[in-house]
PDB file of N, CA and C in Angstrom:
ATOM      1  N   MET A   1      13.197   3.208  -0.872  1.00  0.00           N
ATOM      2  CA  MET A   1      12.833   1.812  -0.799  1.00  0.00           C
ATOM      3  C   MET A   1      11.831   1.569   0.319  1.00  0.00           C
ATOM      4  N   VAL A   2      11.832   2.384   1.365  1.00  0.00           N
ATOM      5  CA  VAL A   2      10.863   2.210   2.442  1.00  0.00           C
ATOM      6  C   VAL A   2       9.460   2.483   1.926  1.00  0.00           C
ATOM      7  N   ASN A   3       9.319   3.482   1.049  1.00  0.00           N
ATOM      8  CA  ASN A   3       8.001   3.773   0.486  1.00  0.00           C
ATOM      9  C   ASN A   3       7.484   2.595  -0.331  1.00  0.00           C
ATOM     10  N   THR A   4       8.359   1.941  -1.064  1.00  0.00           N
ATOM     11  CA  THR A   4       7.958   0.776  -1.847  1.00  0.00           C
ATOM     12  C   THR A   4       7.535  -0.359  -0.924  1.00  0.00           C
ATOM     13  N   LEU A   5       8.288  -0.572   0.134  1.00  0.00           N
ATOM     14  CA  LEU A   5       7.935  -1.613   1.094  1.00  0.00           C
ATOM     15  C   LEU A   5       6.584  -1.303   1.745  1.00  0.00           C
ATOM     16  N   ALA A   6       6.360  -0.052   2.102  1.00  0.00           N
ATOM     17  CA  ALA A   6       5.075   0.347   2.688  1.00  0.00           C
ATOM     18  C   ALA A   6       3.938   0.074   1.718  1.00  0.00           C
ATOM     19  N   HIS A   7       4.151   0.384   0.458  1.00  0.00           N
ATOM     20  CA  HIS A   7       3.143   0.139  -0.578  1.00  0.00           C
ATOM     21  C   HIS A   7       2.800  -1.352  -0.637  1.00  0.00           C
ATOM     22  N   GLU A   8       3.831  -2.171  -0.696  1.00  0.00           N
ATOM     23  CA  GLU A   8       3.609  -3.617  -0.811  1.00  0.00           C
ATOM     24  C   GLU A   8       3.003  -4.201   0.458  1.00  0.00           C
ATOM     25  N   MET A   9       3.379  -3.661   1.610  1.00  0.00           N
ATOM     26  CA  MET A   9       2.803  -4.155   2.863  1.00  0.00           C
ATOM     27  C   MET A   9       1.333  -3.752   2.992  1.00  0.00           C
ATOM     28  N   ALA A  10       0.950  -2.617   2.429  1.00  0.00           N
ATOM     29  CA  ALA A  10      -0.469  -2.244   2.410  1.00  0.00           C
ATOM     30  C   ALA A  10      -1.252  -3.274   1.607  1.00  0.00           C
ATOM     31  N   HIS A  11      -0.691  -3.715   0.481  1.00  0.00           N
ATOM     32  CA  HIS A  11      -1.335  -4.784  -0.293  1.00  0.00           C
ATOM     33  C   HIS A  11      -1.365  -6.092   0.499  1.00  0.00           C
ATOM     34  N   GLN A  12      -0.288  -6.389   1.225  1.00  0.00           N
ATOM     35  CA  GLN A  12      -0.257  -7.612   2.029  1.00  0.00           C
ATOM     36  C   GLN A  12      -1.338  -7.580   3.105  1.00  0.00           C
ATOM     37  N   TYR A  13      -1.540  -6.419   3.722  1.00  0.00           N
ATOM     38  CA  TYR A  13      -2.616  -6.252   4.696  1.00  0.00           C
ATOM     39  C   TYR A  13      -3.966  -6.551   4.040  1.00  0.00           C
ATOM     40  N   GLN A  14      -4.159  -6.007   2.844  1.00  0.00           N
ATOM     41  CA  GLN A  14      -5.411  -6.264   2.143  1.00  0.00           C
ATOM     42  C   GLN A  14      -5.621  -7.768   1.945  1.00  0.00           C
ATOM     43  N   TRP A  15      -4.572  -8.436   1.515  1.00  0.00           N
ATOM     44  CA  TRP A  15      -4.675  -9.855   1.189  1.00  0.00           C
ATOM     45  C   TRP A  15      -4.884 -10.707   2.444  1.00  0.00           C
ATOM     46  N   ASP A  16      -4.081 -10.455   3.485  1.00  0.00           N
ATOM     47  CA  ASP A  16      -4.109 -11.308   4.678  1.00  0.00           C
ATOM     48  C   ASP A  16      -5.209 -10.957   5.670  1.00  0.00           C
ATOM     49  N   ILE A  17      -5.561  -9.701   5.790  1.00  0.00           N
ATOM     50  CA  ILE A  17      -6.521  -9.273   6.812  1.00  0.00           C
ATOM     51  C   ILE A  17      -7.869  -8.882   6.202  1.00  0.00           C
ATOM     52  N   ALA A  18      -7.843  -7.870   5.328  1.00  0.00           N
ATOM     53  CA  ALA A  18      -9.097  -7.362   4.774  1.00  0.00           C
ATOM     54  C   ALA A  18      -9.832  -8.418   3.954  1.00  0.00           C
ATOM     55  N   SER A  19      -9.100  -9.225   3.210  1.00  0.00           N
ATOM     56  CA  SER A  19      -9.755 -10.243   2.379  1.00  0.00           C
ATOM     57  C   SER A  19     -10.441 -11.296   3.230  1.00  0.00           C
ATOM     58  N   LEU A  20      -9.847 -11.667   4.358  1.00  0.00           N
ATOM     59  CA  LEU A  20     -10.488 -12.638   5.250  1.00  0.00           C
ATOM     60  C   LEU A  20     -11.789 -12.088   5.809  1.00  0.00           C
ATOM     61  N   LYS A  21     -11.791 -10.815   6.199  1.00  0.00           N
ATOM     62  CA  LYS A  21     -13.010 -10.178   6.695  1.00  0.00           C
ATOM     63  C   LYS A  21     -14.074 -10.142   5.603  1.00  0.00           C
ATOM     64  N   ARG A  22     -13.650  -9.853   4.374  1.00  0.00           N
ATOM     65  CA  ARG A  22     -14.600  -9.806   3.251  1.00  0.00           C
ATOM     66  C   ARG A  22     -15.170 -11.186   2.952  1.00  0.00           C
ATOM     67  N   GLU A  23     -14.328 -12.203   2.998  1.00  0.00           N
ATOM     68  CA  GLU A  23     -14.794 -13.554   2.706  1.00  0.00           C
ATOM     69  C   GLU A  23     -15.855 -14.004   3.703  1.00  0.00           C
ATOM     70  N   LYS A  24     -15.749 -13.588   4.959  1.00  0.00           N
ATOM     71  CA  LYS A  24     -16.755 -13.927   5.968  1.00  0.00           C
ATOM     72  C   LYS A  24     -18.107 -13.302   5.648  1.00  0.00           C
ATOM     73  N   ARG A  25     -18.095 -12.224   4.865  1.00  0.00           N
ATOM     74  CA  ARG A  25     -19.335 -11.561   4.441  1.00  0.00           C
ATOM     75  C   ARG A  25     -19.781 -12.017   3.062  1.00  0.00           C
ATOM     76  N   GLY A  26     -19.100 -13.022   2.507  1.00  0.00           N
ATOM     77  CA  GLY A  26     -19.463 -13.546   1.197  1.00  0.00           C
ATOM     78  C   GLY A  26     -18.903 -12.759   0.029  1.00  0.00           C
ATOM     79  N   LEU A  27     -17.911 -11.904   0.290  1.00  0.00           N
ATOM     80  CA  LEU A  27     -17.294 -11.101  -0.766  1.00  0.00           C
ATOM     81  C   LEU A  27     -15.954 -11.698  -1.159  1.00  0.00           C
ATOM     82  N   GLY A  28     -15.459 -11.320  -2.315  1.00  0.00           N
ATOM     83  CA  GLY A  28     -14.179 -11.802  -2.791  1.00  0.00           C
ATOM     84  C   GLY A  28     -13.010 -11.064  -2.166  1.00  0.00           C
ATOM     85  N   PRO A  29     -11.811 -11.570  -2.395  1.00  0.00           N
ATOM     86  CA  PRO A  29     -10.613 -10.914  -1.857  1.00  0.00           C
ATOM     87  C   PRO A  29     -10.414  -9.533  -2.476  1.00  0.00           C
ATOM     88  N   ILE A  30      -9.610  -8.729  -1.814  1.00  0.00           N
ATOM     89  CA  ILE A  30      -9.375  -7.365  -2.291  1.00  0.00           C
ATOM     90  C   ILE A  30      -7.876  -7.130  -2.461  1.00  0.00           C
ATOM     91  N   MET A  31      -7.531  -6.461  -3.536  1.00  0.00           N
ATOM     92  CA  MET A  31      -6.141  -6.097  -3.804  1.00  0.00           C
ATOM     93  C   MET A  31      -6.213  -4.893  -4.747  1.00  0.00           C
ATOM     94  N   SER A  32      -6.403  -3.718  -4.142  1.00  0.00           N
ATOM     95  CA  SER A  32      -6.599  -2.519  -4.957  1.00  0.00           C
ATOM     96  C   SER A  32      -5.936  -1.321  -4.292  1.00  0.00           C
ATOM     97  N   HIS A  33      -6.127  -0.145  -4.892  1.00  0.00           N
ATOM     98  CA  HIS A  33      -5.626   1.099  -4.327  1.00  0.00           C
ATOM     99  C   HIS A  33      -6.791   1.926  -3.799  1.00  0.00           C
ATOM    100  N   GLY A  34      -7.720   1.253  -3.148  1.00  0.00           N
ATOM    101  CA  GLY A  34      -8.899   1.913  -2.602  1.00  0.00           C
ATOM    102  C   GLY A  34      -8.740   2.223  -1.123  1.00  0.00           C
ATOM    103  N   PRO A  35      -9.880   2.381  -0.424  1.00  0.00           N
ATOM    104  CA  PRO A  35      -9.855   2.770   0.993  1.00  0.00           C
ATOM    105  C   PRO A  35      -9.051   1.824   1.896  1.00  0.00           C
ATOM    106  N   SER A  36      -9.140   0.527   1.670  1.00  0.00           N
ATOM    107  CA  SER A  36      -8.390  -0.386   2.545  1.00  0.00           C
ATOM    108  C   SER A  36      -6.887  -0.277   2.315  1.00  0.00           C
ATOM    109  N   PHE A  37      -6.489   0.170   1.134  1.00  0.00           N
ATOM    110  CA  PHE A  37      -5.066   0.389   0.845  1.00  0.00           C
ATOM    111  C   PHE A  37      -4.556   1.610   1.600  1.00  0.00           C
ATOM    112  N   PHE A  38      -5.350   2.680   1.612  1.00  0.00           N
ATOM    113  CA  PHE A  38      -4.904   3.949   2.188  1.00  0.00           C
ATOM    114  C   PHE A  38      -5.303   4.152   3.652  1.00  0.00           C
ATOM    115  N   GLN A  39      -5.878   3.150   4.304  1.00  0.00           N
ATOM    116  CA  GLN A  39      -6.370   3.377   5.661  1.00  0.00           C
ATOM    117  C   GLN A  39      -5.259   3.693   6.666  1.00  0.00           C
ATOM    118  N   HIS A  40      -4.028   3.320   6.377  1.00  0.00           N
ATOM    119  CA  HIS A  40      -2.921   3.612   7.287  1.00  0.00           C
ATOM    120  C   HIS A  40      -2.043   4.767   6.802  1.00  0.00           C
ATOM    121  N   LYS A  41      -2.514   5.507   5.806  1.00  0.00           N
ATOM    122  CA  LYS A  41      -1.719   6.563   5.180  1.00  0.00           C
ATOM    123  C   LYS A  41      -1.269   7.628   6.175  1.00  0.00           C
ATOM    124  N   GLU A  42      -2.165   8.101   7.025  1.00  0.00           N
ATOM    125  CA  GLU A  42      -1.813   9.166   7.971  1.00  0.00           C
ATOM    126  C   GLU A  42      -0.794   8.680   8.998  1.00  0.00           C
ATOM    127  N   ARG A  43      -0.982   7.467   9.501  1.00  0.00           N
ATOM    128  CA  ARG A  43      -0.038   6.936  10.486  1.00  0.00           C
ATOM    129  C   ARG A  43       1.347   6.776   9.864  1.00  0.00           C
ATOM    130  N   MET A  44       1.409   6.261   8.635  1.00  0.00           N
ATOM    131  CA  MET A  44       2.698   6.115   7.962  1.00  0.00           C
ATOM    132  C   MET A  44       3.345   7.475   7.738  1.00  0.00           C
ATOM    133  N   ALA A  45       2.537   8.471   7.396  1.00  0.00           N
ATOM    134  CA  ALA A  45       3.060   9.824   7.169  1.00  0.00           C
ATOM    135  C   ALA A  45       3.702  10.385   8.441  1.00  0.00           C
ATOM    136  N   SER A  46       3.181  10.007   9.606  1.00  0.00           N
ATOM    137  CA  SER A  46       3.762  10.498  10.857  1.00  0.00           C
ATOM    138  C   SER A  46       5.190   9.984  11.060  1.00  0.00           C
ATOM    139  N   PHE A  47       5.553   8.922  10.334  1.00  0.00           N
ATOM    140  CA  PHE A  47       6.918   8.387  10.375  1.00  0.00           C
ATOM    141  C   PHE A  47       7.735   8.791   9.145  1.00  0.00           C
ATOM    142  N   GLY A  48       7.178   9.686   8.324  1.00  0.00           N
ATOM    143  CA  GLY A  48       7.875  10.138   7.123  1.00  0.00           C
ATOM    144  C   GLY A  48       7.783   9.161   5.962  1.00  0.00           C
ATOM    145  N   ILE A  49       6.820   8.245   6.023  1.00  0.00           N
ATOM    146  CA  ILE A  49       6.644   7.246   4.960  1.00  0.00           C
ATOM    147  C   ILE A  49       5.467   7.676   4.099  1.00  0.00           C
ATOM    148  N   THR A  50       5.695   7.780   2.812  1.00  0.00           N
ATOM    149  CA  THR A  50       4.663   8.206   1.869  1.00  0.00           C
ATOM    150  C   THR A  50       4.029   6.990   1.220  1.00  0.00           C
ATOM    151  N   LEU A  51       2.735   6.846   1.402  1.00  0.00           N
ATOM    152  CA  LEU A  51       2.009   5.750   0.776  1.00  0.00           C
ATOM    153  C   LEU A  51       1.347   6.287  -0.487  1.00  0.00           C
ATOM    154  N   LYS A  52       1.857   5.863  -1.620  1.00  0.00           N
ATOM    155  CA  LYS A  52       1.341   6.314  -2.915  1.00  0.00           C
ATOM    156  C   LYS A  52       1.155   5.109  -3.828  1.00  0.00           C
ATOM    157  N   TYR A  53       0.468   5.347  -4.917  1.00  0.00           N
ATOM    158  CA  TYR A  53       0.415   4.339  -5.958  1.00  0.00           C
ATOM    159  C   TYR A  53       0.783   5.002  -7.267  1.00  0.00           C
ATOM    160  N   SER A  54       1.225   4.212  -8.206  1.00  0.00           N
ATOM    161  CA  SER A  54       1.714   4.742  -9.470  1.00  0.00           C
ATOM    162  C   SER A  54       1.190   3.900 -10.619  1.00  0.00           C
ATOM    163  N   HIS A  55       0.859   4.543 -11.702  1.00  0.00           N
ATOM    164  CA  HIS A  55       0.342   3.818 -12.860  1.00  0.00           C
ATOM    165  C   HIS A  55       1.384   3.584 -13.941  1.00  0.00           C
ATOM    166  N   SER A  56       2.542   4.191 -13.824  1.00  0.00           N
ATOM    167  CA  SER A  56       3.567   3.990 -14.849  1.00  0.00           C
ATOM    168  C   SER A  56       4.926   3.824 -14.178  1.00  0.00           C
ATOM    169  N   LEU A  57       5.828   3.170 -14.852  1.00  0.00           N
ATOM    170  CA  LEU A  57       7.164   2.965 -14.313  1.00  0.00           C
ATOM    171  C   LEU A  57       7.863   4.302 -14.093  1.00  0.00           C
ATOM    172  N   GLU A  58       7.683   5.227 -15.017  1.00  0.00           N
ATOM    173  CA  GLU A  58       8.295   6.552 -14.882  1.00  0.00           C
ATOM    174  C   GLU A  58       7.793   7.245 -13.614  1.00  0.00           C
ATOM    175  N   SER A  59       6.496   7.181 -13.391  1.00  0.00           N
ATOM    176  CA  SER A  59       5.919   7.780 -12.203  1.00  0.00           C
ATOM    177  C   SER A  59       6.401   7.065 -10.941  1.00  0.00           C
ATOM    178  N   TRP A  60       6.549   5.751 -11.021  1.00  0.00           N
ATOM    179  CA  TRP A  60       7.033   4.968  -9.881  1.00  0.00           C
ATOM    180  C   TRP A  60       8.408   5.470  -9.449  1.00  0.00           C
ATOM    181  N   PHE A  61       9.309   5.684 -10.422  1.00  0.00           N
ATOM    182  CA  PHE A  61      10.654   6.155 -10.095  1.00  0.00           C
ATOM    183  C   PHE A  61      10.635   7.540  -9.464  1.00  0.00           C
ATOM    184  N   GLU A  62       9.674   8.378  -9.835  1.00  0.00           N
ATOM    185  CA  GLU A  62       9.577   9.714  -9.259  1.00  0.00           C
ATOM    186  C   GLU A  62       9.319   9.667  -7.762  1.00  0.00           C
ATOM    187  N   HIS A  63       8.692   8.608  -7.265  1.00  0.00           N
ATOM    188  CA  HIS A  63       8.301   8.511  -5.864  1.00  0.00           C
ATOM    189  C   HIS A  63       9.254   7.679  -5.032  1.00  0.00           C
ATOM    190  N   GLN A  64      10.359   7.260  -5.602  1.00  0.00           N
ATOM    191  CA  GLN A  64      11.297   6.407  -4.870  1.00  0.00           C
ATOM    192  C   GLN A  64      12.517   7.181  -4.418  1.00  0.00           C
ATOM    193  N   ASP A  65      13.054   6.764  -3.319  1.00  0.00           N
ATOM    194  CA  ASP A  65      14.307   7.314  -2.814  1.00  0.00           C
ATOM    195  C   ASP A  65      15.342   6.219  -3.010  1.00  0.00           C
ATOM    196  N   LEU A  66      16.068   6.275  -4.101  1.00  0.00           N
ATOM    197  CA  LEU A  66      16.986   5.205  -4.487  1.00  0.00           C
ATOM    198  C   LEU A  66      18.423   5.513  -4.101  1.00  0.00           C
ATOM    199  N   ARG A  67      18.629   6.453  -3.190  1.00  0.00           N
ATOM    200  CA  ARG A  67      19.982   6.759  -2.742  1.00  0.00           C
ATOM    201  C   ARG A  67      20.551   5.589  -1.952  1.00  0.00           C
ATOM    202  N   LEU A  68      21.791   5.289  -2.204  1.00  0.00           N
ATOM    203  CA  LEU A  68      22.479   4.261  -1.419  1.00  0.00           C
ATOM    204  C   LEU A  68      23.110   4.946  -0.218  1.00  0.00           C
ATOM    205  N   THR A  69      22.718   4.554   0.963  1.00  0.00           N
ATOM    206  CA  THR A  69      23.270   5.184   2.169  1.00  0.00           C
ATOM    207  C   THR A  69      23.945   4.161   3.042  1.00  0.00           C
TER     208      THR A  69
END
């Protein structure tokens, strides 16, 4: 579940921070799996958090840790 939260927070960063910077340059908002999505990938990895994206529900489940602890 932490990986899912990291994924969604990367999108939130895009929406709240990167999109504002883009709008100041006359560009539209961003919400993608491009460079601004993955810019914190290495830092997250240092904490054991995997930042990935998935195109199918089956693939999404492969990347989740759904153990109840």
